[in-house]
Amino acid sequence: MRYAVIVKVAVTADWLVTYGGAEHVLAEFHALYPDAPFFTTVARKQALGPLKNADIRTSGLQKWYNLIKQHQILLPWMPRALEDMDVRGFQVLISSSHAVGKGIIAPPGTLHVCYCHTPMRYAWEMEEEYLRDFNVPKLIRGRVKRELSKLRRWDMTSAQRVDLFIANSTTTQERIRRLYARDSIVIPPPVGDRFLHPHPNPLPQTGEGGPEDRVRGYFLAVGRLVPYKRFDLLIDLANALKLPLKIAGRGQDEARLKRMAGPTVEFLGFIPDDELPSLYANAEALFFPQYEDAGIVLLEAQACGTPVIAYRAGGAMDAVVEGKTGIFFADQTTDSLSQALERFRTMTWDRANIRAHAAKFSQEAFRRKMQQAVNGAYEEFKTGKFARR
């Protein structure tokens, strides 16, 4: 099918201060539309990996971020800062949003497509976690809660500015429908090609049989060390069972988790992208105890042939095929996790099949689906036949 030619595209993001899951998706947008500028509230270019050379345009909040270095404090002022940014002259505006990114105002005649990682969880379902995770002093919590209430109202208003929502998972799709009363299509985030390729540097193995059948010798968890990730469950399990557990990542919960950890738990800190494939490939399994709207870490592990033990909720339901690429546990408790581990150890895993499943979420597949969605919507938009989803 032939589509109308899209010449000028702009991309917006909540903020660009680290290179995490949302930024990996933005890198795919940059690959699709290399000339598109990125509009955002604040940025720290040196931390953005392949995005650091993109055309990044920040709001008036950048000067304050340069002083205080904490973007979370600036959240109440971000909606207005984005709304004040000038995005005239573009045919398509693609917003990447898990907070305020979709709130930028597209001018008349510009199609606004939002790739939604989740409706703003700070405002809707994670208020207490936000206050705790960012150590908001009790003295000002009342004011912060009032600001979050304002954000909820603004979030509802800004959702109506979007022409087409694209959800990163069926869980996010359900939340978009429930909170915004809007339909959406689902395009899961991509797993990087480097995880789908052979891994030339395996770690020492133990056990009998071929390389695909050997026991890797350790279990793995990957992610930011923050309370909602529930790595504390994994540490309790490792301590009780003397389980070899490696945890990759950094975060504000690191000190507490290290105090909990016994001798079989190893904290790896930050792992460079080029070292992650071997780390995944040589693990017996990846633990995923958190509730996430999407599960890119799950896909990375499976792309390396590693099965997963995941909490039965959220994006994990889209990423894992139970009994074939991993298993689920029902409750975020050590007992439930322990029972899942017992079941896991009675099963055999075909690592080639696990990799084949993850290949369905490749970068190529993601780019093709995004292009089809954006081009199709733009064709309808320009001909006046577009119906907002």
Protein backbone atom coordinates (compact mmCIF):
# COMPACT_ATOMS: atom_id res chain seq x y z
CA MET A 1 0.00 0.00 0.00
CA ARG A 2 1.31 3.46 -0.92
CA TYR A 3 1.17 6.19 1.69
CA ALA A 4 1.41 9.96 1.56
CA VAL A 5 5.00 11.14 1.93
CA ILE A 6 5.87 12.39 5.41
CA VAL A 7 8.65 14.97 5.18
CA LYS A 8 8.81 16.64 8.58
CA VAL A 9 8.50 14.69 11.83
CA ALA A 10 9.15 15.85 15.40
CA VAL A 11 9.52 13.66 18.49
CA THR A 12 8.73 14.64 22.07
CA ALA A 13 9.77 12.99 25.32
CA ASP A 14 9.07 13.53 29.02
CA TRP A 15 12.75 14.16 29.84
CA LEU A 16 16.08 12.81 28.62
CA VAL A 17 18.41 12.34 31.57
CA THR A 18 19.37 8.66 31.28
CA TYR A 19 19.35 5.88 28.70
CA GLY A 20 16.69 3.44 29.89
CA GLY A 21 13.81 1.52 28.37
CA ALA A 22 11.90 4.56 27.06
CA GLU A 23 15.10 5.95 25.55
CA HIS A 24 15.73 2.66 23.71
CA VAL A 25 12.37 3.21 22.01
CA LEU A 26 13.35 6.80 21.23
CA ALA A 27 16.51 5.48 19.59
CA GLU A 28 14.28 3.48 17.24
CA PHE A 29 12.36 6.66 16.38
CA HIS A 30 15.69 8.35 15.72
CA ALA A 31 16.62 5.50 13.35
CA LEU A 32 13.28 5.81 11.55
CA TYR A 33 13.36 9.61 11.37
CA PRO A 34 17.02 10.68 11.66
CA ASP A 35 16.28 14.33 10.85
CA ALA A 36 13.51 14.67 13.43
CA PRO A 37 14.30 17.01 16.35
CA PHE A 38 13.57 15.84 19.90
CA PHE A 39 11.58 18.24 22.09
CA THR A 40 11.77 17.61 25.84
CA THR A 41 11.65 19.33 29.21
CA VAL A 42 15.27 18.73 30.33
CA ALA A 43 18.18 16.69 29.04
CA ARG A 44 21.59 15.35 30.04
CA LYS A 45 23.13 14.62 26.66
CA GLN A 46 26.25 12.87 27.91
CA ALA A 47 24.06 10.11 29.42
CA LEU A 48 22.03 9.34 26.30
CA GLY A 49 24.19 6.85 24.41
CA PRO A 50 23.17 6.77 20.72
CA LEU A 51 20.80 9.70 21.26
CA LYS A 52 23.45 12.15 22.44
CA ASN A 53 24.08 13.41 18.88
CA ALA A 54 20.39 13.88 18.06
CA ASP A 55 18.90 17.35 17.65
CA ILE A 56 17.62 17.76 21.23
CA ARG A 57 15.68 20.92 22.08
CA THR A 58 14.93 21.55 25.75
CA SER A 59 12.44 23.78 27.54
CA GLY A 60 13.02 26.76 29.80
CA LEU A 61 13.40 24.34 32.72
CA GLN A 62 16.84 23.29 31.49
CA LYS A 63 18.63 26.09 33.34
CA TRP A 64 17.03 24.94 36.61
CA TYR A 65 17.91 21.32 35.93
CA ASN A 66 21.53 22.34 35.34
CA LEU A 67 21.53 23.77 38.86
CA ILE A 68 19.63 21.16 40.88
CA LYS A 69 20.36 17.99 38.81
CA GLN A 70 17.06 16.35 39.85
CA HIS A 71 14.36 16.33 37.20
CA GLN A 72 11.74 14.90 39.61
CA ILE A 73 11.60 18.16 41.55
CA LEU A 74 10.63 19.97 38.36
CA LEU A 75 7.66 17.71 37.57
CA PRO A 76 4.95 20.24 38.61
CA TRP A 77 6.29 22.78 36.10
CA MET A 78 6.83 20.37 33.21
CA PRO A 79 3.31 20.48 31.69
CA ARG A 80 3.46 24.24 31.15
CA ALA A 81 7.05 24.04 29.90
CA LEU A 82 6.09 21.53 27.20
CA GLU A 83 2.97 23.44 26.21
CA ASP A 84 5.09 26.54 25.65
CA MET A 85 7.41 24.81 23.16
CA ASP A 86 7.00 25.77 19.50
CA VAL A 87 6.42 22.73 17.27
CA ARG A 88 4.95 24.50 14.26
CA GLY A 89 5.96 23.36 10.78
CA PHE A 90 5.81 19.57 11.32
CA GLN A 91 3.47 17.14 9.60
CA VAL A 92 3.62 14.48 12.33
CA LEU A 93 4.36 14.76 16.03
CA ILE A 94 5.32 11.49 17.77
CA SER A 95 5.32 11.72 21.56
CA SER A 96 6.98 9.14 23.76
CA SER A 97 5.17 9.44 27.07
CA HIS A 98 5.07 7.86 30.50
CA ALA A 99 4.48 11.18 32.24
CA VAL A 100 4.11 14.53 30.47
CA GLY A 101 5.47 13.92 26.95
CA LYS A 102 2.08 13.72 25.26
CA GLY A 103 1.11 17.16 26.62
CA ILE A 104 2.92 19.15 23.96
CA ILE A 105 0.40 21.03 21.80
CA ALA A 106 0.36 20.02 18.14
CA PRO A 107 -0.62 22.89 15.83
CA PRO A 108 -3.59 22.58 13.47
CA GLY A 109 -2.86 20.28 10.55
CA THR A 110 -0.29 18.21 12.49
CA LEU A 111 -1.02 14.57 13.34
CA HIS A 112 -0.17 13.67 16.96
CA VAL A 113 0.72 10.01 17.57
CA CYS A 114 1.51 9.05 21.17
CA TYR A 115 3.60 5.98 21.95
CA CYS A 116 2.39 5.50 25.51
CA HIS A 117 4.63 3.57 27.92
CA THR A 118 1.94 4.05 30.59
CA PRO A 119 -0.50 6.74 31.69
CA MET A 120 1.22 8.91 34.27
CA ARG A 121 1.67 6.47 37.15
CA TYR A 122 2.91 9.18 39.54
CA ALA A 123 -0.48 10.87 39.33
CA TRP A 124 -2.85 7.91 39.07
CA GLU A 125 -1.62 4.79 40.85
CA MET A 126 1.83 5.35 42.38
CA GLU A 127 1.49 8.53 44.43
CA GLU A 128 2.81 6.98 47.64
CA GLU A 129 5.63 5.21 45.79
CA TYR A 130 6.62 8.55 44.21
CA LEU A 131 6.74 10.26 47.60
CA ARG A 132 8.77 7.40 49.10
CA ASP A 133 11.11 6.65 46.22
CA PHE A 134 12.18 10.27 45.85
CA ASN A 135 12.40 10.91 49.59
CA VAL A 136 9.91 13.78 49.57
CA PRO A 137 10.09 15.36 53.08
CA LYS A 138 6.92 14.96 55.18
CA LEU A 139 6.81 18.72 55.67
CA ILE A 140 5.95 19.31 52.01
CA ARG A 141 4.07 16.09 51.19
CA GLY A 142 0.70 17.81 51.45
CA ARG A 143 1.70 20.36 48.85
CA VAL A 144 3.18 17.69 46.60
CA LYS A 145 -0.08 15.70 46.79
CA ARG A 146 -2.02 18.79 45.75
CA GLU A 147 0.32 19.21 42.79
CA LEU A 148 -0.20 15.57 41.81
CA SER A 149 -3.95 16.16 41.92
CA LYS A 150 -3.47 19.04 39.47
CA LEU A 151 -1.38 16.75 37.30
CA ARG A 152 -4.23 14.23 37.16
CA ARG A 153 -6.59 16.86 35.81
CA TRP A 154 -4.01 18.08 33.29
CA ASP A 155 -3.21 14.51 32.27
CA MET A 156 -6.85 13.89 31.36
CA THR A 157 -6.95 17.11 29.33
CA SER A 158 -3.71 16.43 27.47
CA ALA A 159 -4.85 12.90 26.57
CA GLN A 160 -7.58 14.44 24.43
CA ARG A 161 -4.95 16.21 22.29
CA VAL A 162 -3.65 12.90 20.96
CA ASP A 163 -4.97 11.65 17.62
CA LEU A 164 -3.66 8.07 17.86
CA PHE A 165 -2.48 6.18 20.93
CA ILE A 166 -0.02 3.32 20.54
CA ALA A 167 0.36 1.24 23.72
CA ASN A 168 3.50 -0.70 24.59
CA SER A 169 1.52 -3.63 26.04
CA THR A 170 -2.00 -4.93 26.52
CA THR A 171 -1.76 -3.77 30.16
CA THR A 172 -1.06 -0.21 29.04
CA GLN A 173 -3.84 -0.50 26.47
CA GLU A 174 -6.29 -1.41 29.24
CA ARG A 175 -5.13 1.53 31.38
CA ILE A 176 -5.47 3.97 28.45
CA ARG A 177 -9.03 2.74 27.95
CA ARG A 178 -9.88 2.88 31.65
CA LEU A 179 -8.28 6.25 32.50
CA TYR A 180 -8.59 8.19 29.23
CA ALA A 181 -11.59 6.43 27.64
CA ARG A 182 -9.52 6.06 24.47
CA ASP A 183 -8.76 3.10 22.23
CA SER A 184 -5.23 2.23 21.16
CA ILE A 185 -3.19 -0.26 19.17
CA VAL A 186 -0.43 -2.34 20.75
CA ILE A 187 3.16 -2.35 19.47
CA PRO A 188 5.54 -3.88 22.07
CA PRO A 189 8.98 -2.28 22.50
CA PRO A 190 11.80 -3.92 20.56
CA VAL A 191 14.57 -6.15 21.82
CA GLY A 192 17.98 -4.99 20.58
CA ASP A 193 19.60 -6.90 17.73
CA ARG A 194 22.73 -7.46 19.81
CA PHE A 195 20.76 -9.79 22.09
CA LEU A 196 19.49 -11.89 19.18
CA HIS A 197 22.95 -12.63 17.79
CA PRO A 198 25.30 -15.41 19.02
CA HIS A 199 27.28 -14.58 22.16
CA PRO A 200 31.01 -15.23 21.72
CA ASN A 201 32.14 -14.91 25.34
CA PRO A 202 30.35 -17.55 27.45
CA LEU A 203 31.23 -17.82 31.10
CA PRO A 204 32.47 -21.14 32.54
CA GLN A 205 29.69 -23.75 32.60
CA THR A 206 28.96 -26.71 34.84
CA GLY A 207 26.93 -29.88 34.32
CA GLU A 208 26.68 -32.46 31.59
CA GLY A 209 25.19 -32.45 28.11
CA GLY A 210 25.54 -29.96 25.28
CA PRO A 211 26.01 -26.22 25.80
CA GLU A 212 22.27 -25.57 25.51
CA ASP A 213 21.48 -27.97 28.36
CA ARG A 214 24.11 -27.01 30.89
CA VAL A 215 23.26 -25.29 34.15
CA ARG A 216 24.60 -21.73 34.13
CA GLY A 217 25.29 -21.66 37.85
CA TYR A 218 23.65 -18.34 38.80
CA PHE A 219 20.32 -16.56 38.71
CA LEU A 220 20.04 -12.99 37.49
CA ALA A 221 18.03 -9.80 38.07
CA VAL A 222 18.49 -6.64 35.99
CA GLY A 223 17.07 -3.17 36.56
CA ARG A 224 17.09 0.02 38.59
CA LEU A 225 17.41 -0.61 42.32
CA VAL A 226 14.17 1.04 43.44
CA PRO A 227 11.59 -0.36 45.89
CA TYR A 228 8.81 -1.24 43.44
CA LYS A 229 11.14 -3.60 41.53
CA ARG A 230 10.90 -5.92 44.57
CA PHE A 231 14.49 -7.17 44.43
CA ASP A 232 14.15 -7.57 48.19
CA LEU A 233 12.08 -10.71 47.51
CA LEU A 234 14.92 -12.17 45.50
CA ILE A 235 17.45 -11.42 48.22
CA ASP A 236 15.24 -13.08 50.87
CA LEU A 237 14.96 -16.14 48.62
CA ALA A 238 18.69 -16.25 47.92
CA ASN A 239 19.51 -15.91 51.60
CA ALA A 240 17.12 -18.71 52.58
CA LEU A 241 18.19 -21.16 49.84
CA LYS A 242 21.85 -20.14 49.50
CA LEU A 243 21.00 -19.34 45.89
CA PRO A 244 23.68 -17.73 43.70
CA LEU A 245 22.10 -14.45 42.64
CA LYS A 246 23.62 -11.63 40.57
CA ILE A 247 21.91 -8.23 40.53
CA ALA A 248 22.82 -5.76 37.78
CA GLY A 249 21.87 -2.11 38.16
CA ARG A 250 22.09 0.89 40.43
CA GLY A 251 19.53 3.04 42.24
CA GLN A 252 18.45 4.72 45.45
CA ASP A 253 17.51 1.40 47.09
CA GLU A 254 21.01 -0.03 46.66
CA ALA A 255 22.26 0.57 50.20
CA ARG A 256 19.21 -1.08 51.78
CA LEU A 257 19.38 -4.09 49.48
CA LYS A 258 23.09 -4.56 50.17
CA ARG A 259 22.43 -4.57 53.90
CA MET A 260 19.88 -7.34 53.37
CA ALA A 261 22.09 -9.47 51.13
CA GLY A 262 23.82 -12.65 52.27
CA PRO A 263 27.07 -14.13 50.90
CA THR A 264 25.47 -15.68 47.79
CA VAL A 265 24.20 -12.34 46.46
CA GLU A 266 26.49 -10.30 44.20
CA PHE A 267 25.82 -6.71 43.15
CA LEU A 268 27.30 -5.99 39.71
CA GLY A 269 26.47 -2.29 39.47
CA PHE A 270 26.08 -0.74 36.04
CA ILE A 271 26.69 -3.19 33.18
CA PRO A 272 27.62 -1.71 29.76
CA ASP A 273 25.30 -2.66 26.92
CA ASP A 274 27.94 -4.76 25.15
CA GLU A 275 28.41 -6.95 28.25
CA LEU A 276 24.72 -7.63 28.91
CA PRO A 277 24.21 -10.40 26.30
CA SER A 278 26.82 -12.68 27.86
CA LEU A 279 25.47 -11.95 31.34
CA TYR A 280 21.98 -12.99 30.24
CA ALA A 281 23.14 -15.95 28.17
CA ASN A 282 25.06 -17.55 31.01
CA ALA A 283 22.33 -17.26 33.64
CA GLU A 284 20.21 -20.23 34.60
CA ALA A 285 17.18 -17.94 34.65
CA LEU A 286 16.19 -14.30 34.93
CA PHE A 287 14.06 -13.30 37.91
CA PHE A 288 11.45 -10.59 37.22
CA PRO A 289 9.53 -9.96 40.48
CA GLN A 290 8.09 -6.53 39.65
CA TYR A 291 4.93 -5.22 38.06
CA GLU A 292 5.91 -3.42 34.87
CA ASP A 293 3.73 -2.09 32.09
CA ALA A 294 6.15 -3.61 29.57
CA GLY A 295 8.99 -6.07 29.96
CA ILE A 296 12.02 -5.25 27.80
CA VAL A 297 14.41 -6.95 30.25
CA LEU A 298 12.33 -10.13 29.87
CA LEU A 299 12.73 -9.98 26.09
CA GLU A 300 16.47 -9.33 26.31
CA ALA A 301 16.96 -12.41 28.47
CA GLN A 302 14.83 -14.59 26.20
CA ALA A 303 16.67 -13.29 23.12
CA CYS A 304 19.80 -14.73 24.73
CA GLY A 305 18.05 -18.09 25.22
CA THR A 306 17.52 -17.64 28.95
CA PRO A 307 14.17 -18.61 30.52
CA VAL A 308 12.49 -16.28 33.00
CA ILE A 309 10.65 -16.56 36.31
CA ALA A 310 8.24 -13.62 36.31
CA TYR A 311 5.46 -12.11 38.38
CA ARG A 312 2.15 -12.85 36.67
CA ALA A 313 1.10 -9.28 35.87
CA GLY A 314 1.61 -6.42 33.44
CA GLY A 315 3.83 -6.59 30.40
CA ALA A 316 5.21 -9.99 31.40
CA MET A 317 1.92 -11.47 30.21
CA ASP A 318 2.74 -10.30 26.66
CA ALA A 319 6.43 -11.22 26.73
CA VAL A 320 6.49 -14.72 28.27
CA VAL A 321 4.95 -17.98 27.03
CA GLU A 322 4.37 -20.01 30.18
CA GLY A 323 6.03 -23.41 30.12
CA LYS A 324 7.95 -22.61 26.93
CA THR A 325 9.97 -19.46 27.60
CA GLY A 326 9.45 -19.16 31.35
CA ILE A 327 7.04 -19.53 34.23
CA PHE A 328 4.97 -17.18 36.37
CA PHE A 329 4.42 -16.83 40.10
CA ALA A 330 1.13 -15.49 41.41
CA ASP A 331 2.00 -13.33 44.42
CA GLN A 332 4.83 -10.96 45.30
CA THR A 333 5.89 -13.08 48.26
CA THR A 334 8.95 -15.19 48.97
CA ASP A 335 6.77 -18.30 49.33
CA SER A 336 5.18 -17.84 45.91
CA LEU A 337 8.58 -17.19 44.35
CA SER A 338 10.07 -20.24 46.06
CA GLN A 339 7.30 -22.48 44.73
CA ALA A 340 7.91 -21.16 41.22
CA LEU A 341 11.61 -21.92 41.55
CA GLU A 342 10.81 -25.50 42.57
CA ARG A 343 8.63 -25.92 39.48
CA PHE A 344 11.27 -24.30 37.29
CA ARG A 345 13.87 -26.83 38.40
CA THR A 346 11.65 -29.77 37.36
CA MET A 347 11.36 -28.46 33.79
CA THR A 348 13.62 -28.53 30.75
CA TRP A 349 14.12 -25.52 28.48
CA ASP A 350 14.84 -25.34 24.75
CA ARG A 351 16.98 -22.23 24.53
CA ALA A 352 16.78 -22.10 20.72
CA ASN A 353 12.99 -21.93 20.93
CA ILE A 354 13.21 -19.24 23.57
CA ARG A 355 15.40 -17.15 21.25
CA ALA A 356 13.00 -17.73 18.36
CA HIS A 357 10.12 -16.38 20.45
CA ALA A 358 12.08 -13.21 21.32
CA ALA A 359 12.94 -12.67 17.63
CA LYS A 360 9.29 -11.78 17.03
CA PHE A 361 10.00 -8.57 18.97
CA SER A 362 13.03 -7.52 16.87
CA GLN A 363 13.99 -3.95 16.03
CA GLU A 364 13.08 -4.58 12.40
CA ALA A 365 9.58 -5.76 13.37
CA PHE A 366 9.10 -2.74 15.65
CA ARG A 367 10.16 -0.24 12.98
CA ARG A 368 7.93 -1.87 10.36
CA LYS A 369 4.88 -1.79 12.64
CA MET A 370 5.52 1.81 13.70
CA GLN A 371 5.89 2.96 10.11
CA GLN A 372 2.71 1.20 9.08
CA ALA A 373 0.78 2.72 11.99
CA VAL A 374 2.11 6.27 11.51
CA ASN A 375 1.91 6.27 7.71
CA GLY A 376 -1.58 4.77 7.69
CA ALA A 377 -2.85 7.31 10.22
CA TYR A 378 -1.25 10.19 8.32
CA GLU A 379 -2.83 9.04 5.06
CA GLU A 380 -6.28 9.11 6.69
CA PHE A 381 -5.48 12.41 8.44
CA LYS A 382 -4.52 14.19 5.22
CA THR A 383 -7.54 12.94 3.31
CA GLY A 384 -9.90 14.02 6.06
CA LYS A 385 -11.01 10.45 6.78
CA PHE A 386 -9.17 10.08 10.08
CA ALA A 387 -11.21 8.93 13.05
CA ARG A 388 -9.52 9.50 16.41
CA ARG A 389 -8.87 6.20 18.15
